[in-house]
Each structure stands twice: as C-alpha cells, then as structure tokens.
Amino acid sequence: MQIHLIPNQDGVKQWILIELQGGLESCSGEIRGQLMVGNLCWDNDTAVFVLGHQVVEGKAKTLDKPFVVLAKGEKTTENEVVAIIRKKILFSLRPKPIVFKQLSS
C-alpha cells in the first residue's frame, strides 16, 4: 500500500518533544483540549520548567531519528505532515520544590 504524505498549507513546522519522568495530573482530574501546565524557559541547551510549586531542569538533545507528526486525511491513502520533531528536552531529574521566604517588615 502506498501512503501519500503532503505538507500542510503553512509548510512543515518544527516541534520539540518534552520528555518527563513521571506523569502530569490536573486538579480536576480531566485533561481536555488545551491546558496550561506550567512555564518553560530555556537558554541554549538548558531548560527550566516550572510546574505549580515545583521546578525541574532539563537538557535539549537531538534525536537519533526524527519523528513525523501526521494528521490523517479524508482519503485513506493521504496523510498531512503537521510537523517534524528533531529535538527533545529531557527532564531526567526529580523536581525541586519552590520555597518562598516571607519578608519581614
């Protein structure tokens, strides 16, 4: 069987995979649609991810083989190429708690 891959109208986007050790849970127990889980900042190959009252540091790595993100077309033999993933951010350490000091007046 031949599968046709077609780029989307915006061209092929570059995405980055985020790899965490453990799982993410929402307070309500449901995850639907878009959900803000934290803030991700990075400089060169070092990333910092703030999740609620915890922070975790990670490193950007190039994948040995890139992944292609596909969206199935209406026809069974056509798939739309949504993005290519060539890098990942690996968070391999446990998160650290964020502790705030109360300022005395």
PDB file of N, CA and C in Angstrom:
ATOM      1  N   MET A   1       0.849  -1.172   0.000  1.00  0.00           N
ATOM      2  CA  MET A   1       0.000   0.000   0.000  1.00  0.00           C
ATOM      3  C   MET A   1       0.894   1.233   0.000  1.00  0.00           C
ATOM      4  N   GLN A   2       0.527   2.220  -0.768  1.00  0.00           N
ATOM      5  CA  GLN A   2       1.272   3.465  -0.841  1.00  0.00           C
ATOM      6  C   GLN A   2       0.553   4.524  -0.019  1.00  0.00           C
ATOM      7  N   ILE A   3       1.304   5.226   0.824  1.00  0.00           N
ATOM      8  CA  ILE A   3       0.736   6.290   1.655  1.00  0.00           C
ATOM      9  C   ILE A   3       1.333   7.612   1.196  1.00  0.00           C
ATOM     10  N   HIS A   4       0.490   8.538   0.822  1.00  0.00           N
ATOM     11  CA  HIS A   4       0.940   9.847   0.352  1.00  0.00           C
ATOM     12  C   HIS A   4       1.061  10.800   1.536  1.00  0.00           C
ATOM     13  N   LEU A   5       2.217  11.451   1.640  1.00  0.00           N
ATOM     14  CA  LEU A   5       2.434  12.454   2.680  1.00  0.00           C
ATOM     15  C   LEU A   5       2.471  13.817   2.014  1.00  0.00           C
ATOM     16  N   ILE A   6       1.613  14.718   2.469  1.00  0.00           N
ATOM     17  CA  ILE A   6       1.561  16.057   1.887  1.00  0.00           C
ATOM     18  C   ILE A   6       1.812  17.083   2.984  1.00  0.00           C
ATOM     19  N   PRO A   7       2.646  18.112   2.723  1.00  0.00           N
ATOM     20  CA  PRO A   7       2.850  19.147   3.738  1.00  0.00           C
ATOM     21  C   PRO A   7       1.591  19.991   3.889  1.00  0.00           C
ATOM     22  N   ASN A   8       1.406  20.558   5.086  1.00  0.00           N
ATOM     23  CA  ASN A   8       0.224  21.395   5.291  1.00  0.00           C
ATOM     24  C   ASN A   8       0.417  22.748   4.610  1.00  0.00           C
ATOM     25  N   GLN A   9      -0.614  23.568   4.598  1.00  0.00           N
ATOM     26  CA  GLN A   9      -0.566  24.840   3.879  1.00  0.00           C
ATOM     27  C   GLN A   9       0.431  25.828   4.476  1.00  0.00           C
ATOM     28  N   ASP A  10       0.805  25.666   5.750  1.00  0.00           N
ATOM     29  CA  ASP A  10       1.776  26.554   6.390  1.00  0.00           C
ATOM     30  C   ASP A  10       3.210  26.066   6.203  1.00  0.00           C
ATOM     31  N   GLY A  11       3.412  24.992   5.480  1.00  0.00           N
ATOM     32  CA  GLY A  11       4.727  24.374   5.399  1.00  0.00           C
ATOM     33  C   GLY A  11       4.870  23.405   6.563  1.00  0.00           C
ATOM     34  N   VAL A  12       6.018  22.790   6.675  1.00  0.00           N
ATOM     35  CA  VAL A  12       6.238  21.821   7.737  1.00  0.00           C
ATOM     36  C   VAL A  12       6.842  22.539   8.937  1.00  0.00           C
ATOM     37  N   LYS A  13       6.189  22.410  10.084  1.00  0.00           N
ATOM     38  CA  LYS A  13       6.633  23.082  11.303  1.00  0.00           C
ATOM     39  C   LYS A  13       7.626  22.208  12.055  1.00  0.00           C
ATOM     40  N   GLN A  14       8.469  22.845  12.860  1.00  0.00           N
ATOM     41  CA  GLN A  14       9.414  22.144  13.723  1.00  0.00           C
ATOM     42  C   GLN A  14       8.848  22.139  15.134  1.00  0.00           C
ATOM     43  N   TRP A  15       8.662  20.974  15.708  1.00  0.00           N
ATOM     44  CA  TRP A  15       8.210  20.847  17.088  1.00  0.00           C
ATOM     45  C   TRP A  15       9.333  20.266  17.925  1.00  0.00           C
ATOM     46  N   ILE A  16       9.230  20.421  19.242  1.00  0.00           N
ATOM     47  CA  ILE A  16      10.190  19.838  20.174  1.00  0.00           C
ATOM     48  C   ILE A  16       9.423  18.952  21.140  1.00  0.00           C
ATOM     49  N   LEU A  17       9.926  17.765  21.359  1.00  0.00           N
ATOM     50  CA  LEU A  17       9.325  16.793  22.259  1.00  0.00           C
ATOM     51  C   LEU A  17       9.780  17.089  23.686  1.00  0.00           C
ATOM     52  N   ILE A  18       8.868  17.018  24.642  1.00  0.00           N
ATOM     53  CA  ILE A  18       9.204  17.188  26.058  1.00  0.00           C
ATOM     54  C   ILE A  18       9.055  15.839  26.733  1.00  0.00           C
ATOM     55  N   GLU A  19      10.153  15.359  27.328  1.00  0.00           N
ATOM     56  CA  GLU A  19      10.153  14.059  27.988  1.00  0.00           C
ATOM     57  C   GLU A  19      10.324  14.260  29.493  1.00  0.00           C
ATOM     58  N   LEU A  20       9.297  13.867  30.243  1.00  0.00           N
ATOM     59  CA  LEU A  20       9.301  13.989  31.703  1.00  0.00           C
ATOM     60  C   LEU A  20       9.360  12.606  32.338  1.00  0.00           C
ATOM     61  N   GLN A  21       9.946  12.530  33.512  1.00  0.00           N
ATOM     62  CA  GLN A  21       9.955  11.289  34.282  1.00  0.00           C
ATOM     63  C   GLN A  21       8.775  11.370  35.239  1.00  0.00           C
ATOM     64  N   GLY A  22       7.796  10.518  35.070  1.00  0.00           N
ATOM     65  CA  GLY A  22       6.591  10.571  35.901  1.00  0.00           C
ATOM     66  C   GLY A  22       5.401  10.961  35.058  1.00  0.00           C
ATOM     67  N   GLY A  23       4.381  11.486  35.693  1.00  0.00           N
ATOM     68  CA  GLY A  23       3.163  11.850  34.991  1.00  0.00           C
ATOM     69  C   GLY A  23       2.648  13.206  35.419  1.00  0.00           C
ATOM     70  N   LEU A  24       1.733  13.737  34.629  1.00  0.00           N
ATOM     71  CA  LEU A  24       1.074  15.002  34.943  1.00  0.00           C
ATOM     72  C   LEU A  24      -0.385  14.720  35.255  1.00  0.00           C
ATOM     73  N   GLU A  25      -0.884  15.341  36.302  1.00  0.00           N
ATOM     74  CA  GLU A  25      -2.290  15.208  36.662  1.00  0.00           C
ATOM     75  C   GLU A  25      -2.877  16.599  36.851  1.00  0.00           C
ATOM     76  N   SER A  26      -4.113  16.776  36.394  1.00  0.00           N
ATOM     77  CA  SER A  26      -4.781  18.055  36.617  1.00  0.00           C
ATOM     78  C   SER A  26      -5.542  17.996  37.937  1.00  0.00           C
ATOM     79  N   CYS A  27      -5.808  19.151  38.509  1.00  0.00           N
ATOM     80  CA  CYS A  27      -6.547  19.214  39.777  1.00  0.00           C
ATOM     81  C   CYS A  27      -7.956  18.654  39.627  1.00  0.00           C
ATOM     82  N   SER A  28      -8.577  18.898  38.469  1.00  0.00           N
ATOM     83  CA  SER A  28      -9.943  18.429  38.253  1.00  0.00           C
ATOM     84  C   SER A  28      -9.994  16.961  37.844  1.00  0.00           C
ATOM     85  N   GLY A  29      -8.846  16.406  37.476  1.00  0.00           N
ATOM     86  CA  GLY A  29      -8.822  15.016  37.045  1.00  0.00           C
ATOM     87  C   GLY A  29      -9.093  14.830  35.566  1.00  0.00           C
ATOM     88  N   GLU A  30      -9.472  15.895  34.863  1.00  0.00           N
ATOM     89  CA  GLU A  30      -9.757  15.812  33.437  1.00  0.00           C
ATOM     90  C   GLU A  30      -8.752  16.633  32.657  1.00  0.00           C
ATOM     91  N   ILE A  31      -8.335  16.100  31.523  1.00  0.00           N
ATOM     92  CA  ILE A  31      -7.478  16.847  30.611  1.00  0.00           C
ATOM     93  C   ILE A  31      -8.153  16.815  29.249  1.00  0.00           C
ATOM     94  N   ARG A  32      -8.666  17.957  28.842  1.00  0.00           N
ATOM     95  CA  ARG A  32      -9.330  18.071  27.543  1.00  0.00           C
ATOM     96  C   ARG A  32      -8.877  19.351  26.872  1.00  0.00           C
ATOM     97  N   GLY A  33      -8.623  19.271  25.599  1.00  0.00           N
ATOM     98  CA  GLY A  33      -8.248  20.459  24.850  1.00  0.00           C
ATOM     99  C   GLY A  33      -6.927  21.019  25.326  1.00  0.00           C
ATOM    100  N   GLN A  34      -6.816  22.327  25.301  1.00  0.00           N
ATOM    101  CA  GLN A  34      -5.584  22.984  25.708  1.00  0.00           C
ATOM    102  C   GLN A  34      -5.594  23.220  27.206  1.00  0.00           C
ATOM    103  N   LEU A  35      -4.492  22.906  27.840  1.00  0.00           N
ATOM    104  CA  LEU A  35      -4.382  23.051  29.281  1.00  0.00           C
ATOM    105  C   LEU A  35      -3.008  23.609  29.610  1.00  0.00           C
ATOM    106  N   MET A  36      -2.956  24.699  30.346  1.00  0.00           N
ATOM    107  CA  MET A  36      -1.692  25.298  30.771  1.00  0.00           C
ATOM    108  C   MET A  36      -1.156  24.481  31.935  1.00  0.00           C
ATOM    109  N   VAL A  37       0.025  23.886  31.765  1.00  0.00           N
ATOM    110  CA  VAL A  37       0.586  23.049  32.826  1.00  0.00           C
ATOM    111  C   VAL A  37       1.764  23.701  33.526  1.00  0.00           C
ATOM    112  N   GLY A  38       2.358  24.723  32.937  1.00  0.00           N
ATOM    113  CA  GLY A  38       3.500  25.379  33.572  1.00  0.00           C
ATOM    114  C   GLY A  38       4.177  26.336  32.618  1.00  0.00           C
ATOM    115  N   ASN A  39       5.330  26.842  33.050  1.00  0.00           N
ATOM    116  CA  ASN A  39       6.117  27.767  32.242  1.00  0.00           C
ATOM    117  C   ASN A  39       7.439  27.112  31.882  1.00  0.00           C
ATOM    118  N   LEU A  40       7.781  27.175  30.604  1.00  0.00           N
ATOM    119  CA  LEU A  40       9.024  26.594  30.113  1.00  0.00           C
ATOM    120  C   LEU A  40       9.913  27.718  29.613  1.00  0.00           C
ATOM    121  N   CYS A  41      11.123  27.785  30.150  1.00  0.00           N
ATOM    122  CA  CYS A  41      12.115  28.776  29.717  1.00  0.00           C
ATOM    123  C   CYS A  41      13.388  28.024  29.370  1.00  0.00           C
ATOM    124  N   TRP A  42      14.098  28.512  28.356  1.00  0.00           N
ATOM    125  CA  TRP A  42      15.373  27.872  28.094  1.00  0.00           C
ATOM    126  C   TRP A  42      16.363  28.833  27.478  1.00  0.00           C
ATOM    127  N   ASP A  43      17.644  28.489  27.686  1.00  0.00           N
ATOM    128  CA  ASP A  43      18.763  29.257  27.172  1.00  0.00           C
ATOM    129  C   ASP A  43      19.753  28.246  26.601  1.00  0.00           C
ATOM    130  N   ASN A  44      20.024  28.325  25.315  1.00  0.00           N
ATOM    131  CA  ASN A  44      20.883  27.362  24.609  1.00  0.00           C
ATOM    132  C   ASN A  44      20.334  25.949  24.778  1.00  0.00           C
ATOM    133  N   ASP A  45      21.038  25.077  25.492  1.00  0.00           N
ATOM    134  CA  ASP A  45      20.585  23.692  25.639  1.00  0.00           C
ATOM    135  C   ASP A  45      20.055  23.377  27.027  1.00  0.00           C
ATOM    136  N   THR A  46      19.915  24.369  27.895  1.00  0.00           N
ATOM    137  CA  THR A  46      19.414  24.153  29.253  1.00  0.00           C
ATOM    138  C   THR A  46      17.996  24.698  29.358  1.00  0.00           C
ATOM    139  N   ALA A  47      17.092  23.883  29.911  1.00  0.00           N
ATOM    140  CA  ALA A  47      15.685  24.274  30.046  1.00  0.00           C
ATOM    141  C   ALA A  47      15.267  24.231  31.505  1.00  0.00           C
ATOM    142  N   VAL A  48      14.354  25.119  31.873  1.00  0.00           N
ATOM    143  CA  VAL A  48      13.767  25.152  33.213  1.00  0.00           C
ATOM    144  C   VAL A  48      12.257  25.124  33.038  1.00  0.00           C
ATOM    145  N   PHE A  49      11.601  24.185  33.717  1.00  0.00           N
ATOM    146  CA  PHE A  49      10.157  24.004  33.621  1.00  0.00           C
ATOM    147  C   PHE A  49       9.571  24.198  35.013  1.00  0.00           C
ATOM    148  N   VAL A  50       8.723  25.216  35.173  1.00  0.00           N
ATOM    149  CA  VAL A  50       8.076  25.500  36.455  1.00  0.00           C
ATOM    150  C   VAL A  50       6.657  24.955  36.384  1.00  0.00           C
ATOM    151  N   LEU A  51       6.367  23.993  37.263  1.00  0.00           N
ATOM    152  CA  LEU A  51       5.063  23.333  37.322  1.00  0.00           C
ATOM    153  C   LEU A  51       4.477  23.575  38.700  1.00  0.00           C
ATOM    154  N   GLY A  52       3.572  24.510  38.818  1.00  0.00           N
ATOM    155  CA  GLY A  52       2.974  24.800  40.123  1.00  0.00           C
ATOM    156  C   GLY A  52       4.015  25.286  41.105  1.00  0.00           C
ATOM    157  N   HIS A  53       4.235  24.522  42.188  1.00  0.00           N
ATOM    158  CA  HIS A  53       5.210  24.893  43.214  1.00  0.00           C
ATOM    159  C   HIS A  53       6.478  24.059  43.102  1.00  0.00           C
ATOM    160  N   GLN A  54       6.786  23.594  41.888  1.00  0.00           N
ATOM    161  CA  GLN A  54       7.982  22.790  41.669  1.00  0.00           C
ATOM    162  C   GLN A  54       8.704  23.272  40.416  1.00  0.00           C
ATOM    163  N   VAL A  55      10.011  23.047  40.397  1.00  0.00           N
ATOM    164  CA  VAL A  55      10.826  23.411  39.240  1.00  0.00           C
ATOM    165  C   VAL A  55      11.713  22.216  38.883  1.00  0.00           C
ATOM    166  N   VAL A  56      11.881  21.997  37.590  1.00  0.00           N
ATOM    167  CA  VAL A  56      12.721  20.898  37.120  1.00  0.00           C
ATOM    168  C   VAL A  56      13.594  21.414  35.977  1.00  0.00           C
ATOM    169  N   GLU A  57      14.852  20.967  35.961  1.00  0.00           N
ATOM    170  CA  GLU A  57      15.793  21.390  34.931  1.00  0.00           C
ATOM    171  C   GLU A  57      16.017  20.261  33.943  1.00  0.00           C
ATOM    172  N   GLY A  58      16.228  20.624  32.683  1.00  0.00           N
ATOM    173  CA  GLY A  58      16.442  19.625  31.649  1.00  0.00           C
ATOM    174  C   GLY A  58      17.450  20.091  30.619  1.00  0.00           C
ATOM    175  N   LYS A  59      17.765  19.199  29.705  1.00  0.00           N
ATOM    176  CA  LYS A  59      18.729  19.471  28.637  1.00  0.00           C
ATOM    177  C   LYS A  59      18.097  19.144  27.292  1.00  0.00           C
ATOM    178  N   ALA A  60      18.406  19.962  26.289  1.00  0.00           N
ATOM    179  CA  ALA A  60      17.937  19.711  24.924  1.00  0.00           C
ATOM    180  C   ALA A  60      18.888  18.731  24.250  1.00  0.00           C
ATOM    181  N   LYS A  61      18.320  17.751  23.562  1.00  0.00           N
ATOM    182  CA  LYS A  61      19.112  16.737  22.861  1.00  0.00           C
ATOM    183  C   LYS A  61      18.539  16.548  21.464  1.00  0.00           C
ATOM    184  N   THR A  62      19.414  16.242  20.524  1.00  0.00           N
ATOM    185  CA  THR A  62      18.983  15.938  19.164  1.00  0.00           C
ATOM    186  C   THR A  62      18.626  14.458  19.084  1.00  0.00           C
ATOM    187  N   LEU A  63      17.485  14.156  18.489  1.00  0.00           N
ATOM    188  CA  LEU A  63      17.045  12.766  18.343  1.00  0.00           C
ATOM    189  C   LEU A  63      17.895  12.044  17.296  1.00  0.00           C
ATOM    190  N   ASP A  64      18.138  10.757  17.513  1.00  0.00           N
ATOM    191  CA  ASP A  64      18.872   9.961  16.530  1.00  0.00           C
ATOM    192  C   ASP A  64      18.103   9.884  15.213  1.00  0.00           C
ATOM    193  N   LYS A  65      16.799   9.663  15.321  1.00  0.00           N
ATOM    194  CA  LYS A  65      15.934   9.624  14.144  1.00  0.00           C
ATOM    195  C   LYS A  65      14.761  10.564  14.397  1.00  0.00           C
ATOM    196  N   PRO A  66      14.477  11.483  13.474  1.00  0.00           N
ATOM    197  CA  PRO A  66      13.363  12.410  13.694  1.00  0.00           C
ATOM    198  C   PRO A  66      12.010  11.710  13.619  1.00  0.00           C
ATOM    199  N   PHE A  67      11.028  12.311  14.313  1.00  0.00           N
ATOM    200  CA  PHE A  67       9.641  11.853  14.260  1.00  0.00           C
ATOM    201  C   PHE A  67       8.860  12.756  13.314  1.00  0.00           C
ATOM    202  N   VAL A  68       7.863  12.199  12.671  1.00  0.00           N
ATOM    203  CA  VAL A  68       6.958  12.977  11.832  1.00  0.00           C
ATOM    204  C   VAL A  68       5.579  12.917  12.472  1.00  0.00           C
ATOM    205  N   VAL A  69       4.954  14.083  12.648  1.00  0.00           N
ATOM    206  CA  VAL A  69       3.598  14.164  13.197  1.00  0.00           C
ATOM    207  C   VAL A  69       2.645  14.250  12.014  1.00  0.00           C
ATOM    208  N   LEU A  70       1.715  13.306  11.947  1.00  0.00           N
ATOM    209  CA  LEU A  70       0.800  13.215  10.815  1.00  0.00           C
ATOM    210  C   LEU A  70      -0.640  13.440  11.248  1.00  0.00           C
ATOM    211  N   ALA A  71      -1.423  13.998  10.343  1.00  0.00           N
ATOM    212  CA  ALA A  71      -2.877  14.101  10.517  1.00  0.00           C
ATOM    213  C   ALA A  71      -3.501  13.308   9.378  1.00  0.00           C
ATOM    214  N   LYS A  72      -4.346  12.376   9.742  1.00  0.00           N
ATOM    215  CA  LYS A  72      -4.961  11.520   8.726  1.00  0.00           C
ATOM    216  C   LYS A  72      -5.894  12.340   7.847  1.00  0.00           C
ATOM    217  N   GLY A  73      -5.742  12.174   6.557  1.00  0.00           N
ATOM    218  CA  GLY A  73      -6.578  12.884   5.607  1.00  0.00           C
ATOM    219  C   GLY A  73      -7.930  12.218   5.446  1.00  0.00           C
ATOM    220  N   GLU A  74      -8.794  12.856   4.682  1.00  0.00           N
ATOM    221  CA  GLU A  74     -10.120  12.280   4.452  1.00  0.00           C
ATOM    222  C   GLU A  74     -10.024  11.009   3.625  1.00  0.00           C
ATOM    223  N   LYS A  75      -9.073  10.974   2.724  1.00  0.00           N
ATOM    224  CA  LYS A  75      -8.854   9.758   1.940  1.00  0.00           C
ATOM    225  C   LYS A  75      -7.929   8.851   2.749  1.00  0.00           C
ATOM    226  N   THR A  76      -8.081   7.574   2.590  1.00  0.00           N
ATOM    227  CA  THR A  76      -7.305   6.639   3.409  1.00  0.00           C
ATOM    228  C   THR A  76      -5.828   6.603   3.045  1.00  0.00           C
ATOM    229  N   THR A  77      -5.459   7.039   1.841  1.00  0.00           N
ATOM    230  CA  THR A  77      -4.054   6.962   1.442  1.00  0.00           C
ATOM    231  C   THR A  77      -3.322   8.288   1.562  1.00  0.00           C
ATOM    232  N   GLU A  78      -3.967   9.328   2.060  1.00  0.00           N
ATOM    233  CA  GLU A  78      -3.300  10.620   2.207  1.00  0.00           C
ATOM    234  C   GLU A  78      -3.218  11.012   3.676  1.00  0.00           C
ATOM    235  N   ASN A  79      -2.034  11.454   4.063  1.00  0.00           N
ATOM    236  CA  ASN A  79      -1.803  11.966   5.412  1.00  0.00           C
ATOM    237  C   ASN A  79      -1.121  13.316   5.301  1.00  0.00           C
ATOM    238  N   GLU A  80      -1.515  14.248   6.141  1.00  0.00           N
ATOM    239  CA  GLU A  80      -0.927  15.579   6.140  1.00  0.00           C
ATOM    240  C   GLU A  80       0.230  15.609   7.133  1.00  0.00           C
ATOM    241  N   VAL A  81       1.383  16.109   6.689  1.00  0.00           N
ATOM    242  CA  VAL A  81       2.535  16.263   7.573  1.00  0.00           C
ATOM    243  C   VAL A  81       2.338  17.551   8.364  1.00  0.00           C
ATOM    244  N   VAL A  82       2.096  17.421   9.660  1.00  0.00           N
ATOM    245  CA  VAL A  82       1.849  18.578  10.518  1.00  0.00           C
ATOM    246  C   VAL A  82       3.162  19.170  11.000  1.00  0.00           C
ATOM    247  N   ALA A  83       4.099  18.318  11.432  1.00  0.00           N
ATOM    248  CA  ALA A  83       5.365  18.807  11.977  1.00  0.00           C
ATOM    249  C   ALA A  83       6.416  17.707  11.950  1.00  0.00           C
ATOM    250  N   ILE A  84       7.661  18.133  12.100  1.00  0.00           N
ATOM    251  CA  ILE A  84       8.784  17.213  12.261  1.00  0.00           C
ATOM    252  C   ILE A  84       9.422  17.506  13.610  1.00  0.00           C
ATOM    253  N   ILE A  85       9.727  16.446  14.357  1.00  0.00           N
ATOM    254  CA  ILE A  85      10.368  16.594  15.667  1.00  0.00           C
ATOM    255  C   ILE A  85      11.791  16.078  15.545  1.00  0.00           C
ATOM    256  N   ARG A  86      12.760  16.985  15.682  1.00  0.00           N
ATOM    257  CA  ARG A  86      14.168  16.616  15.586  1.00  0.00           C
ATOM    258  C   ARG A  86      14.897  16.723  16.924  1.00  0.00           C
ATOM    259  N   LYS A  87      14.304  17.431  17.880  1.00  0.00           N
ATOM    260  CA  LYS A  87      14.932  17.628  19.193  1.00  0.00           C
ATOM    261  C   LYS A  87      13.962  17.269  20.294  1.00  0.00           C
ATOM    262  N   LYS A  88      14.517  16.975  21.457  1.00  0.00           N
ATOM    263  CA  LYS A  88      13.688  16.765  22.641  1.00  0.00           C
ATOM    264  C   LYS A  88      14.353  17.449  23.816  1.00  0.00           C
ATOM    265  N   ILE A  89      13.528  17.829  24.785  1.00  0.00           N
ATOM    266  CA  ILE A  89      14.042  18.342  26.052  1.00  0.00           C
ATOM    267  C   ILE A  89      13.815  17.238  27.067  1.00  0.00           C
ATOM    268  N   LEU A  90      14.904  16.745  27.628  1.00  0.00           N
ATOM    269  CA  LEU A  90      14.851  15.632  28.565  1.00  0.00           C
ATOM    270  C   LEU A  90      14.963  16.160  29.990  1.00  0.00           C
ATOM    271  N   PHE A  91      13.910  15.945  30.773  1.00  0.00           N
ATOM    272  CA  PHE A  91      13.901  16.279  32.193  1.00  0.00           C
ATOM    273  C   PHE A  91      14.073  14.963  32.945  1.00  0.00           C
ATOM    274  N   SER A  92      15.325  14.614  33.260  1.00  0.00           N
ATOM    275  CA  SER A  92      15.599  13.300  33.845  1.00  0.00           C
ATOM    276  C   SER A  92      15.704  13.327  35.367  1.00  0.00           C
ATOM    277  N   LEU A  93      15.755  14.510  35.960  1.00  0.00           N
ATOM    278  CA  LEU A  93      15.870  14.613  37.415  1.00  0.00           C
ATOM    279  C   LEU A  93      14.513  14.864  38.053  1.00  0.00           C
ATOM    280  N   ARG A  94      14.445  14.604  39.342  1.00  0.00           N
ATOM    281  CA  ARG A  94      13.208  14.869  40.090  1.00  0.00           C
ATOM    282  C   ARG A  94      13.010  16.378  40.252  1.00  0.00           C
ATOM    283  N   PRO A  95      11.754  16.825  40.296  1.00  0.00           N
ATOM    284  CA  PRO A  95      11.503  18.253  40.510  1.00  0.00           C
ATOM    285  C   PRO A  95      11.902  18.685  41.916  1.00  0.00           C
ATOM    286  N   LYS A  96      12.280  19.957  42.023  1.00  0.00           N
ATOM    287  CA  LYS A  96      12.627  20.539  43.322  1.00  0.00           C
ATOM    288  C   LYS A  96      11.492  21.462  43.747  1.00  0.00           C
ATOM    289  N   PRO A  97      11.170  21.485  45.033  1.00  0.00           N
ATOM    290  CA  PRO A  97      10.102  22.387  45.489  1.00  0.00           C
ATOM    291  C   PRO A  97      10.572  23.839  45.463  1.00  0.00           C
ATOM    292  N   ILE A  98       9.643  24.724  45.154  1.00  0.00           N
ATOM    293  CA  ILE A  98       9.918  26.160  45.214  1.00  0.00           C
ATOM    294  C   ILE A  98       9.456  26.640  46.577  1.00  0.00           C
ATOM    295  N   VAL A  99      10.385  27.187  47.355  1.00  0.00           N
ATOM    296  CA  VAL A  99      10.078  27.659  48.701  1.00  0.00           C
ATOM    297  C   VAL A  99      10.286  29.168  48.721  1.00  0.00           C
ATOM    298  N   PHE A 100       9.267  29.889  49.175  1.00  0.00           N
ATOM    299  CA  PHE A 100       9.342  31.340  49.256  1.00  0.00           C
ATOM    300  C   PHE A 100       9.640  31.760  50.685  1.00  0.00           C
ATOM    301  N   LYS A 101      10.525  32.735  50.818  1.00  0.00           N
ATOM    302  CA  LYS A 101      10.798  33.305  52.134  1.00  0.00           C
ATOM    303  C   LYS A 101       9.847  34.469  52.354  1.00  0.00           C
ATOM    304  N   GLN A 102       9.289  34.539  53.542  1.00  0.00           N
ATOM    305  CA  GLN A 102       8.407  35.650  53.855  1.00  0.00           C
ATOM    306  C   GLN A 102       9.271  36.817  54.315  1.00  0.00           C
ATOM    307  N   LEU A 103       9.045  37.975  53.705  1.00  0.00           N
ATOM    308  CA  LEU A 103       9.806  39.165  54.063  1.00  0.00           C
ATOM    309  C   LEU A 103       9.239  39.772  55.332  1.00  0.00           C
ATOM    310  N   SER A 104      10.132  40.091  56.255  1.00  0.00           N
ATOM    311  CA  SER A 104       9.663  40.743  57.487  1.00  0.00           C
ATOM    312  C   SER A 104       9.678  42.247  57.287  1.00  0.00           C
ATOM    313  N   SER A 105       8.701  42.930  57.871  1.00  0.00           N
ATOM    314  CA  SER A 105       8.607  44.379  57.674  1.00  0.00           C
ATOM    315  C   SER A 105       9.186  45.152  58.816  1.00  0.00           C
TER     316      SER A 105
END
